[in-house]
Amino acid sequence: MVERLKPEDRAAGLNALPDWHLCEGREAISKSFKFRDFKEAFGFMTQVALAAEKMNHHPEWSNVYRSVDITLSTHDVGGLSVLDLKLAEVINRIAGGS
């Protein structure tokens, strides 16, 4: 079973994730992505959805035209876990390091 990250592990993980930040008021991380158009944003979301399904770890997200906002937290542990850090790495790779 996955466990909630200790503060020092959370800090180290965030240092390795450019532009991801802790959400105010909850133990979660988030990042905003911008694309050229809706088609590119939706294609990105499709790739992330497939990767998330494979990991059985799903993001909270929203999309408006060319913008995608993603928040990650492991609800089963009430905060951040290694799954969130791994999914964030995958998302960054899919986005091309955006």
PDB file of N, CA and C in Angstrom:
ATOM      1  N   MET A   1       0.840  -1.191   0.000  1.00  0.00           N
ATOM      2  CA  MET A   1       0.000   0.000   0.000  1.00  0.00           C
ATOM      3  C   MET A   1       0.877   1.243   0.000  1.00  0.00           C
ATOM      4  N   VAL A   2       0.433   2.243  -0.711  1.00  0.00           N
ATOM      5  CA  VAL A   2       1.166   3.492  -0.795  1.00  0.00           C
ATOM      6  C   VAL A   2       0.965   4.294   0.495  1.00  0.00           C
ATOM      7  N   GLU A   3       1.983   5.065   0.861  1.00  0.00           N
ATOM      8  CA  GLU A   3       1.923   5.858   2.092  1.00  0.00           C
ATOM      9  C   GLU A   3       2.100   7.337   1.783  1.00  0.00           C
ATOM     10  N   ARG A   4       1.595   8.140   2.683  1.00  0.00           N
ATOM     11  CA  ARG A   4       1.741   9.590   2.596  1.00  0.00           C
ATOM     12  C   ARG A   4       3.216   9.959   2.730  1.00  0.00           C
ATOM     13  N   LEU A   5       3.660  10.909   1.905  1.00  0.00           N
ATOM     14  CA  LEU A   5       5.057  11.343   1.947  1.00  0.00           C
ATOM     15  C   LEU A   5       5.366  12.127   3.215  1.00  0.00           C
ATOM     16  N   LYS A   6       6.557  11.917   3.737  1.00  0.00           N
ATOM     17  CA  LYS A   6       7.049  12.738   4.842  1.00  0.00           C
ATOM     18  C   LYS A   6       7.414  14.103   4.267  1.00  0.00           C
ATOM     19  N   PRO A   7       7.378  15.159   5.091  1.00  0.00           N
ATOM     20  CA  PRO A   7       7.669  16.505   4.581  1.00  0.00           C
ATOM     21  C   PRO A   7       9.001  16.612   3.823  1.00  0.00           C
ATOM     22  N   GLU A   8      10.040  15.944   4.316  1.00  0.00           N
ATOM     23  CA  GLU A   8      11.338  16.037   3.638  1.00  0.00           C
ATOM     24  C   GLU A   8      11.319  15.327   2.283  1.00  0.00           C
ATOM     25  N   ASP A   9      10.568  14.236   2.174  1.00  0.00           N
ATOM     26  CA  ASP A   9      10.449  13.535   0.892  1.00  0.00           C
ATOM     27  C   ASP A   9       9.605  14.342  -0.089  1.00  0.00           C
ATOM     28  N   ARG A  10       8.584  14.993   0.429  1.00  0.00           N
ATOM     29  CA  ARG A  10       7.743  15.856  -0.402  1.00  0.00           C
ATOM     30  C   ARG A  10       8.566  17.012  -0.958  1.00  0.00           C
ATOM     31  N   ALA A  11       9.382  17.636  -0.116  1.00  0.00           N
ATOM     32  CA  ALA A  11      10.217  18.758  -0.548  1.00  0.00           C
ATOM     33  C   ALA A  11      11.232  18.318  -1.594  1.00  0.00           C
ATOM     34  N   ALA A  12      11.866  17.172  -1.363  1.00  0.00           N
ATOM     35  CA  ALA A  12      12.849  16.664  -2.333  1.00  0.00           C
ATOM     36  C   ALA A  12      12.178  16.344  -3.663  1.00  0.00           C
ATOM     37  N   GLY A  13      11.000  15.745  -3.611  1.00  0.00           N
ATOM     38  CA  GLY A  13      10.273  15.427  -4.833  1.00  0.00           C
ATOM     39  C   GLY A  13       9.878  16.657  -5.613  1.00  0.00           C
ATOM     40  N   LEU A  14       9.429  17.684  -4.923  1.00  0.00           N
ATOM     41  CA  LEU A  14       9.042  18.932  -5.593  1.00  0.00           C
ATOM     42  C   LEU A  14      10.237  19.628  -6.223  1.00  0.00           C
ATOM     43  N   ASN A  15      11.396  19.526  -5.604  1.00  0.00           N
ATOM     44  CA  ASN A  15      12.606  20.135  -6.177  1.00  0.00           C
ATOM     45  C   ASN A  15      12.929  19.550  -7.542  1.00  0.00           C
ATOM     46  N   ALA A  16      12.552  18.319  -7.769  1.00  0.00           N
ATOM     47  CA  ALA A  16      12.828  17.645  -9.040  1.00  0.00           C
ATOM     48  C   ALA A  16      11.724  17.858 -10.075  1.00  0.00           C
ATOM     49  N   LEU A  17      10.688  18.609  -9.723  1.00  0.00           N
ATOM     50  CA  LEU A  17       9.540  18.809 -10.616  1.00  0.00           C
ATOM     51  C   LEU A  17       9.370  20.294 -10.945  1.00  0.00           C
ATOM     52  N   PRO A  18       9.984  20.750 -12.018  1.00  0.00           N
ATOM     53  CA  PRO A  18       9.891  22.174 -12.378  1.00  0.00           C
ATOM     54  C   PRO A  18       8.444  22.652 -12.521  1.00  0.00           C
ATOM     55  N   ASP A  19       8.174  23.784 -11.913  1.00  0.00           N
ATOM     56  CA  ASP A  19       6.899  24.492 -12.025  1.00  0.00           C
ATOM     57  C   ASP A  19       5.713  23.829 -11.323  1.00  0.00           C
ATOM     58  N   TRP A  20       5.913  22.688 -10.677  1.00  0.00           N
ATOM     59  CA  TRP A  20       4.865  22.129  -9.829  1.00  0.00           C
ATOM     60  C   TRP A  20       4.978  22.805  -8.474  1.00  0.00           C
ATOM     61  N   HIS A  21       3.853  23.099  -7.855  1.00  0.00           N
ATOM     62  CA  HIS A  21       3.891  23.765  -6.559  1.00  0.00           C
ATOM     63  C   HIS A  21       2.822  23.171  -5.627  1.00  0.00           C
ATOM     64  N   LEU A  22       3.045  23.352  -4.343  1.00  0.00           N
ATOM     65  CA  LEU A  22       2.066  22.920  -3.352  1.00  0.00           C
ATOM     66  C   LEU A  22       0.828  23.793  -3.442  1.00  0.00           C
ATOM     67  N   CYS A  23      -0.314  23.185  -3.314  1.00  0.00           N
ATOM     68  CA  CYS A  23      -1.576  23.923  -3.314  1.00  0.00           C
ATOM     69  C   CYS A  23      -1.801  24.532  -1.939  1.00  0.00           C
ATOM     70  N   GLU A  24      -2.322  25.721  -1.938  1.00  0.00           N
ATOM     71  CA  GLU A  24      -2.629  26.378  -0.676  1.00  0.00           C
ATOM     72  C   GLU A  24      -3.854  25.732  -0.047  1.00  0.00           C
ATOM     73  N   GLY A  25      -3.749  25.402   1.230  1.00  0.00           N
ATOM     74  CA  GLY A  25      -4.888  24.892   1.969  1.00  0.00           C
ATOM     75  C   GLY A  25      -5.115  23.394   1.884  1.00  0.00           C
ATOM     76  N   ARG A  26      -4.245  22.684   1.156  1.00  0.00           N
ATOM     77  CA  ARG A  26      -4.378  21.229   1.086  1.00  0.00           C
ATOM     78  C   ARG A  26      -3.059  20.612   0.683  1.00  0.00           C
ATOM     79  N   GLU A  27      -2.903  19.343   0.966  1.00  0.00           N
ATOM     80  CA  GLU A  27      -1.670  18.658   0.600  1.00  0.00           C
ATOM     81  C   GLU A  27      -1.837  18.056  -0.790  1.00  0.00           C
ATOM     82  N   ALA A  28      -1.491  18.870  -1.779  1.00  0.00           N
ATOM     83  CA  ALA A  28      -1.586  18.491  -3.184  1.00  0.00           C
ATOM     84  C   ALA A  28      -0.591  19.343  -3.953  1.00  0.00           C
ATOM     85  N   ILE A  29      -0.258  18.905  -5.166  1.00  0.00           N
ATOM     86  CA  ILE A  29       0.601  19.700  -6.041  1.00  0.00           C
ATOM     87  C   ILE A  29      -0.159  20.007  -7.322  1.00  0.00           C
ATOM     88  N   SER A  30       0.201  21.116  -7.946  1.00  0.00           N
ATOM     89  CA  SER A  30      -0.485  21.481  -9.182  1.00  0.00           C
ATOM     90  C   SER A  30       0.461  22.178 -10.144  1.00  0.00           C
ATOM     91  N   LYS A  31       0.022  22.181 -11.394  1.00  0.00           N
ATOM     92  CA  LYS A  31       0.772  22.848 -12.458  1.00  0.00           C
ATOM     93  C   LYS A  31      -0.206  23.204 -13.568  1.00  0.00           C
ATOM     94  N   SER A  32       0.046  24.332 -14.222  1.00  0.00           N
ATOM     95  CA  SER A  32      -0.754  24.770 -15.363  1.00  0.00           C
ATOM     96  C   SER A  32       0.056  24.594 -16.640  1.00  0.00           C
ATOM     97  N   PHE A  33      -0.598  24.135 -17.673  1.00  0.00           N
ATOM     98  CA  PHE A  33       0.033  23.914 -18.978  1.00  0.00           C
ATOM     99  C   PHE A  33      -0.708  24.736 -20.022  1.00  0.00           C
ATOM    100  N   LYS A  34       0.036  25.307 -20.959  1.00  0.00           N
ATOM    101  CA  LYS A  34      -0.539  26.080 -22.064  1.00  0.00           C
ATOM    102  C   LYS A  34      -0.080  25.451 -23.374  1.00  0.00           C
ATOM    103  N   PHE A  35      -1.003  25.361 -24.314  1.00  0.00           N
ATOM    104  CA  PHE A  35      -0.721  24.769 -25.608  1.00  0.00           C
ATOM    105  C   PHE A  35      -1.102  25.744 -26.716  1.00  0.00           C
ATOM    106  N   ARG A  36      -0.778  25.390 -27.947  1.00  0.00           N
ATOM    107  CA  ARG A  36      -1.071  26.292 -29.065  1.00  0.00           C
ATOM    108  C   ARG A  36      -2.567  26.457 -29.301  1.00  0.00           C
ATOM    109  N   ASP A  37      -3.316  25.373 -29.063  1.00  0.00           N
ATOM    110  CA  ASP A  37      -4.753  25.417 -29.333  1.00  0.00           C
ATOM    111  C   ASP A  37      -5.456  24.294 -28.563  1.00  0.00           C
ATOM    112  N   PHE A  38      -6.766  24.225 -28.722  1.00  0.00           N
ATOM    113  CA  PHE A  38      -7.564  23.224 -28.023  1.00  0.00           C
ATOM    114  C   PHE A  38      -7.183  21.809 -28.438  1.00  0.00           C
ATOM    115  N   LYS A  39      -6.948  21.606 -29.710  1.00  0.00           N
ATOM    116  CA  LYS A  39      -6.606  20.276 -30.211  1.00  0.00           C
ATOM    117  C   LYS A  39      -5.342  19.745 -29.529  1.00  0.00           C
ATOM    118  N   GLU A  40      -4.343  20.582 -29.408  1.00  0.00           N
ATOM    119  CA  GLU A  40      -3.103  20.171 -28.746  1.00  0.00           C
ATOM    120  C   GLU A  40      -3.328  19.911 -27.254  1.00  0.00           C
ATOM    121  N   ALA A  41      -4.127  20.759 -26.602  1.00  0.00           N
ATOM    122  CA  ALA A  41      -4.428  20.570 -25.181  1.00  0.00           C
ATOM    123  C   ALA A  41      -5.185  19.263 -24.970  1.00  0.00           C
ATOM    124  N   PHE A  42      -6.147  18.981 -25.828  1.00  0.00           N
ATOM    125  CA  PHE A  42      -6.939  17.765 -25.682  1.00  0.00           C
ATOM    126  C   PHE A  42      -6.100  16.524 -25.967  1.00  0.00           C
ATOM    127  N   GLY A  43      -5.198  16.619 -26.936  1.00  0.00           N
ATOM    128  CA  GLY A  43      -4.291  15.504 -27.220  1.00  0.00           C
ATOM    129  C   GLY A  43      -3.407  15.201 -26.016  1.00  0.00           C
ATOM    130  N   PHE A  44      -2.915  16.247 -25.361  1.00  0.00           N
ATOM    131  CA  PHE A  44      -2.124  16.098 -24.137  1.00  0.00           C
ATOM    132  C   PHE A  44      -2.947  15.408 -23.058  1.00  0.00           C
ATOM    133  N   MET A  45      -4.178  15.860 -22.868  1.00  0.00           N
ATOM    134  CA  MET A  45      -5.041  15.260 -21.852  1.00  0.00           C
ATOM    135  C   MET A  45      -5.301  13.788 -22.149  1.00  0.00           C
ATOM    136  N   THR A  46      -5.463  13.446 -23.405  1.00  0.00           N
ATOM    137  CA  THR A  46      -5.686  12.053 -23.778  1.00  0.00           C
ATOM    138  C   THR A  46      -4.484  11.194 -23.410  1.00  0.00           C
ATOM    139  N   GLN A  47      -3.291  11.686 -23.697  1.00  0.00           N
ATOM    140  CA  GLN A  47      -2.075  10.942 -23.348  1.00  0.00           C
ATOM    141  C   GLN A  47      -1.932  10.794 -21.838  1.00  0.00           C
ATOM    142  N   VAL A  48      -2.220  11.864 -21.106  1.00  0.00           N
ATOM    143  CA  VAL A  48      -2.146  11.811 -19.646  1.00  0.00           C
ATOM    144  C   VAL A  48      -3.186  10.830 -19.109  1.00  0.00           C
ATOM    145  N   ALA A  49      -4.384  10.836 -19.673  1.00  0.00           N
ATOM    146  CA  ALA A  49      -5.436   9.926 -19.221  1.00  0.00           C
ATOM    147  C   ALA A  49      -5.013   8.475 -19.386  1.00  0.00           C
ATOM    148  N   LEU A  50      -4.388   8.149 -20.497  1.00  0.00           N
ATOM    149  CA  LEU A  50      -3.941   6.777 -20.732  1.00  0.00           C
ATOM    150  C   LEU A  50      -2.845   6.379 -19.747  1.00  0.00           C
ATOM    151  N   ALA A  51      -1.907   7.287 -19.498  1.00  0.00           N
ATOM    152  CA  ALA A  51      -0.827   7.013 -18.541  1.00  0.00           C
ATOM    153  C   ALA A  51      -1.388   6.875 -17.123  1.00  0.00           C
ATOM    154  N   ALA A  52      -2.304   7.751 -16.757  1.00  0.00           N
ATOM    155  CA  ALA A  52      -2.904   7.710 -15.418  1.00  0.00           C
ATOM    156  C   ALA A  52      -3.688   6.422 -15.213  1.00  0.00           C
ATOM    157  N   GLU A  53      -4.408   6.006 -16.226  1.00  0.00           N
ATOM    158  CA  GLU A  53      -5.176   4.767 -16.126  1.00  0.00           C
ATOM    159  C   GLU A  53      -4.239   3.577 -15.935  1.00  0.00           C
ATOM    160  N   LYS A  54      -3.138   3.584 -16.654  1.00  0.00           N
ATOM    161  CA  LYS A  54      -2.156   2.506 -16.523  1.00  0.00           C
ATOM    162  C   LYS A  54      -1.573   2.446 -15.108  1.00  0.00           C
ATOM    163  N   MET A  55      -1.395   3.622 -14.497  1.00  0.00           N
ATOM    164  CA  MET A  55      -0.875   3.709 -13.132  1.00  0.00           C
ATOM    165  C   MET A  55      -1.973   3.520 -12.079  1.00  0.00           C
ATOM    166  N   ASN A  56      -3.225   3.552 -12.524  1.00  0.00           N
ATOM    167  CA  ASN A  56      -4.387   3.542 -11.622  1.00  0.00           C
ATOM    168  C   ASN A  56      -4.287   4.680 -10.601  1.00  0.00           C
ATOM    169  N   HIS A  57      -3.902   5.847 -11.115  1.00  0.00           N
ATOM    170  CA  HIS A  57      -3.775   7.043 -10.278  1.00  0.00           C
ATOM    171  C   HIS A  57      -4.204   8.230 -11.141  1.00  0.00           C
ATOM    172  N   HIS A  58      -5.280   8.873 -10.779  1.00  0.00           N
ATOM    173  CA  HIS A  58      -5.930   9.818 -11.679  1.00  0.00           C
ATOM    174  C   HIS A  58      -5.854  11.262 -11.178  1.00  0.00           C
ATOM    175  N   PRO A  59      -5.628  12.192 -12.094  1.00  0.00           N
ATOM    176  CA  PRO A  59      -5.512  13.601 -11.710  1.00  0.00           C
ATOM    177  C   PRO A  59      -6.869  14.274 -11.538  1.00  0.00           C
ATOM    178  N   GLU A  60      -6.832  15.381 -10.840  1.00  0.00           N
ATOM    179  CA  GLU A  60      -7.932  16.345 -10.872  1.00  0.00           C
ATOM    180  C   GLU A  60      -7.488  17.347 -11.918  1.00  0.00           C
ATOM    181  N   TRP A  61      -8.355  17.694 -12.847  1.00  0.00           N
ATOM    182  CA  TRP A  61      -7.916  18.638 -13.867  1.00  0.00           C
ATOM    183  C   TRP A  61      -9.070  19.415 -14.465  1.00  0.00           C
ATOM    184  N   SER A  62      -8.701  20.497 -15.130  1.00  0.00           N
ATOM    185  CA  SER A  62      -9.683  21.279 -15.866  1.00  0.00           C
ATOM    186  C   SER A  62      -9.026  21.768 -17.146  1.00  0.00           C
ATOM    187  N   ASN A  63      -9.877  22.006 -18.144  1.00  0.00           N
ATOM    188  CA  ASN A  63      -9.408  22.456 -19.449  1.00  0.00           C
ATOM    189  C   ASN A  63     -10.295  23.593 -19.921  1.00  0.00           C
ATOM    190  N   VAL A  64      -9.658  24.681 -20.318  1.00  0.00           N
ATOM    191  CA  VAL A  64     -10.349  25.776 -20.981  1.00  0.00           C
ATOM    192  C   VAL A  64      -9.514  26.132 -22.204  1.00  0.00           C
ATOM    193  N   TYR A  65     -10.078  25.876 -23.368  1.00  0.00           N
ATOM    194  CA  TYR A  65      -9.463  26.100 -24.664  1.00  0.00           C
ATOM    195  C   TYR A  65      -8.055  25.513 -24.721  1.00  0.00           C
ATOM    196  N   ARG A  66      -7.012  26.318 -24.569  1.00  0.00           N
ATOM    197  CA  ARG A  66      -5.642  25.812 -24.720  1.00  0.00           C
ATOM    198  C   ARG A  66      -4.913  25.634 -23.392  1.00  0.00           C
ATOM    199  N   SER A  67      -5.629  25.771 -22.293  1.00  0.00           N
ATOM    200  CA  SER A  67      -5.042  25.656 -20.960  1.00  0.00           C
ATOM    201  C   SER A  67      -5.529  24.384 -20.260  1.00  0.00           C
ATOM    202  N   VAL A  68      -4.600  23.713 -19.570  1.00  0.00           N
ATOM    203  CA  VAL A  68      -4.933  22.538 -18.774  1.00  0.00           C
ATOM    204  C   VAL A  68      -4.307  22.739 -17.398  1.00  0.00           C
ATOM    205  N   ASP A  69      -5.130  22.707 -16.369  1.00  0.00           N
ATOM    206  CA  ASP A  69      -4.662  22.809 -14.985  1.00  0.00           C
ATOM    207  C   ASP A  69      -4.804  21.438 -14.338  1.00  0.00           C
ATOM    208  N   ILE A  70      -3.707  20.966 -13.728  1.00  0.00           N
ATOM    209  CA  ILE A  70      -3.698  19.631 -13.136  1.00  0.00           C
ATOM    210  C   ILE A  70      -3.327  19.724 -11.668  1.00  0.00           C
ATOM    211  N   THR A  71      -4.065  19.001 -10.834  1.00  0.00           N
ATOM    212  CA  THR A  71      -3.778  18.871  -9.408  1.00  0.00           C
ATOM    213  C   THR A  71      -3.655  17.389  -9.092  1.00  0.00           C
ATOM    214  N   LEU A  72      -2.625  17.062  -8.303  1.00  0.00           N
ATOM    215  CA  LEU A  72      -2.381  15.675  -7.915  1.00  0.00           C
ATOM    216  C   LEU A  72      -2.374  15.544  -6.397  1.00  0.00           C
ATOM    217  N   SER A  73      -3.054  14.539  -5.905  1.00  0.00           N
ATOM    218  CA  SER A  73      -3.077  14.186  -4.497  1.00  0.00           C
ATOM    219  C   SER A  73      -3.566  12.748  -4.410  1.00  0.00           C
ATOM    220  N   THR A  74      -3.136  12.038  -3.407  1.00  0.00           N
ATOM    221  CA  THR A  74      -3.573  10.659  -3.223  1.00  0.00           C
ATOM    222  C   THR A  74      -4.649  10.648  -2.147  1.00  0.00           C
ATOM    223  N   HIS A  75      -5.877  10.568  -2.567  1.00  0.00           N
ATOM    224  CA  HIS A  75      -7.005  10.673  -1.642  1.00  0.00           C
ATOM    225  C   HIS A  75      -7.010   9.565  -0.600  1.00  0.00           C
ATOM    226  N   ASP A  76      -6.533   8.379  -0.985  1.00  0.00           N
ATOM    227  CA  ASP A  76      -6.504   7.248  -0.039  1.00  0.00           C
ATOM    228  C   ASP A  76      -5.616   7.501   1.174  1.00  0.00           C
ATOM    229  N   VAL A  77      -4.591   8.357   1.016  1.00  0.00           N
ATOM    230  CA  VAL A  77      -3.688   8.638   2.145  1.00  0.00           C
ATOM    231  C   VAL A  77      -3.891  10.041   2.695  1.00  0.00           C
ATOM    232  N   GLY A  78      -4.785  10.802   2.112  1.00  0.00           N
ATOM    233  CA  GLY A  78      -5.078  12.143   2.599  1.00  0.00           C
ATOM    234  C   GLY A  78      -3.973  13.142   2.348  1.00  0.00           C
ATOM    235  N   GLY A  79      -3.241  12.962   1.262  1.00  0.00           N
ATOM    236  CA  GLY A  79      -2.164  13.895   0.932  1.00  0.00           C
ATOM    237  C   GLY A  79      -1.327  13.364  -0.207  1.00  0.00           C
ATOM    238  N   LEU A  80      -0.075  13.775  -0.224  1.00  0.00           N
ATOM    239  CA  LEU A  80       0.818  13.401  -1.315  1.00  0.00           C
ATOM    240  C   LEU A  80       1.489  12.061  -1.064  1.00  0.00           C
ATOM    241  N   SER A  81       1.639  11.303  -2.139  1.00  0.00           N
ATOM    242  CA  SER A  81       2.359  10.037  -2.090  1.00  0.00           C
ATOM    243  C   SER A  81       3.338   9.993  -3.256  1.00  0.00           C
ATOM    244  N   VAL A  82       4.120   8.947  -3.275  1.00  0.00           N
ATOM    245  CA  VAL A  82       5.066   8.761  -4.368  1.00  0.00           C
ATOM    246  C   VAL A  82       4.330   8.651  -5.707  1.00  0.00           C
ATOM    247  N   LEU A  83       3.095   8.185  -5.703  1.00  0.00           N
ATOM    248  CA  LEU A  83       2.314   8.109  -6.938  1.00  0.00           C
ATOM    249  C   LEU A  83       2.129   9.483  -7.572  1.00  0.00           C
ATOM    250  N   ASP A  84       1.934  10.504  -6.753  1.00  0.00           N
ATOM    251  CA  ASP A  84       1.759  11.860  -7.278  1.00  0.00           C
ATOM    252  C   ASP A  84       3.036  12.353  -7.949  1.00  0.00           C
ATOM    253  N   LEU A  85       4.167  12.085  -7.320  1.00  0.00           N
ATOM    254  CA  LEU A  85       5.441  12.500  -7.894  1.00  0.00           C
ATOM    255  C   LEU A  85       5.725  11.764  -9.199  1.00  0.00           C
ATOM    256  N   LYS A  86       5.436  10.472  -9.228  1.00  0.00           N
ATOM    257  CA  LYS A  86       5.655   9.685 -10.448  1.00  0.00           C
ATOM    258  C   LYS A  86       4.743  10.143 -11.576  1.00  0.00           C
ATOM    259  N   LEU A  87       3.479  10.401 -11.254  1.00  0.00           N
ATOM    260  CA  LEU A  87       2.560  10.862 -12.292  1.00  0.00           C
ATOM    261  C   LEU A  87       2.963  12.247 -12.784  1.00  0.00           C
ATOM    262  N   ALA A  88       3.409  13.111 -11.903  1.00  0.00           N
ATOM    263  CA  ALA A  88       3.875  14.437 -12.320  1.00  0.00           C
ATOM    264  C   ALA A  88       5.059  14.322 -13.279  1.00  0.00           C
ATOM    265  N   GLU A  89       5.979  13.396 -13.015  1.00  0.00           N
ATOM    266  CA  GLU A  89       7.111  13.169 -13.924  1.00  0.00           C
ATOM    267  C   GLU A  89       6.625  12.724 -15.299  1.00  0.00           C
ATOM    268  N   VAL A  90       5.680  11.806 -15.312  1.00  0.00           N
ATOM    269  CA  VAL A  90       5.118  11.331 -16.570  1.00  0.00           C
ATOM    270  C   VAL A  90       4.434  12.473 -17.321  1.00  0.00           C
ATOM    271  N   ILE A  91       3.668  13.262 -16.612  1.00  0.00           N
ATOM    272  CA  ILE A  91       2.976  14.398 -17.226  1.00  0.00           C
ATOM    273  C   ILE A  91       3.976  15.370 -17.824  1.00  0.00           C
ATOM    274  N   ASN A  92       5.056  15.667 -17.109  1.00  0.00           N
ATOM    275  CA  ASN A  92       6.083  16.556 -17.651  1.00  0.00           C
ATOM    276  C   ASN A  92       6.698  15.985 -18.930  1.00  0.00           C
ATOM    277  N   ARG A  93       6.947  14.685 -18.960  1.00  0.00           N
ATOM    278  CA  ARG A  93       7.503  14.060 -20.166  1.00  0.00           C
ATOM    279  C   ARG A  93       6.518  14.179 -21.335  1.00  0.00           C
ATOM    280  N   ILE A  94       5.255  13.918 -21.070  1.00  0.00           N
ATOM    281  CA  ILE A  94       4.240  14.018 -22.107  1.00  0.00           C
ATOM    282  C   ILE A  94       4.172  15.439 -22.658  1.00  0.00           C
ATOM    283  N   ALA A  95       4.268  16.415 -21.761  1.00  0.00           N
ATOM    284  CA  ALA A  95       4.189  17.831 -22.164  1.00  0.00           C
ATOM    285  C   ALA A  95       5.493  18.319 -22.798  1.00  0.00           C
ATOM    286  N   GLY A  96       6.509  17.489 -22.791  1.00  0.00           N
ATOM    287  CA  GLY A  96       7.789  17.919 -23.346  1.00  0.00           C
ATOM    288  C   GLY A  96       8.552  18.816 -22.401  1.00  0.00           C
ATOM    289  N   GLY A  97       8.310  18.626 -21.090  1.00  0.00           N
ATOM    290  CA  GLY A  97       9.027  19.428 -20.090  1.00  0.00           C
ATOM    291  C   GLY A  97       8.449  20.795 -19.889  1.00  0.00           C
ATOM    292  N   SER A  98       7.235  21.024 -20.402  1.00  0.00           N
ATOM    293  CA  SER A  98       6.594  22.346 -20.260  1.00  0.00           C
ATOM    294  C   SER A  98       6.528  22.791 -18.831  1.00  0.00           C
TER     295      SER A  98
END
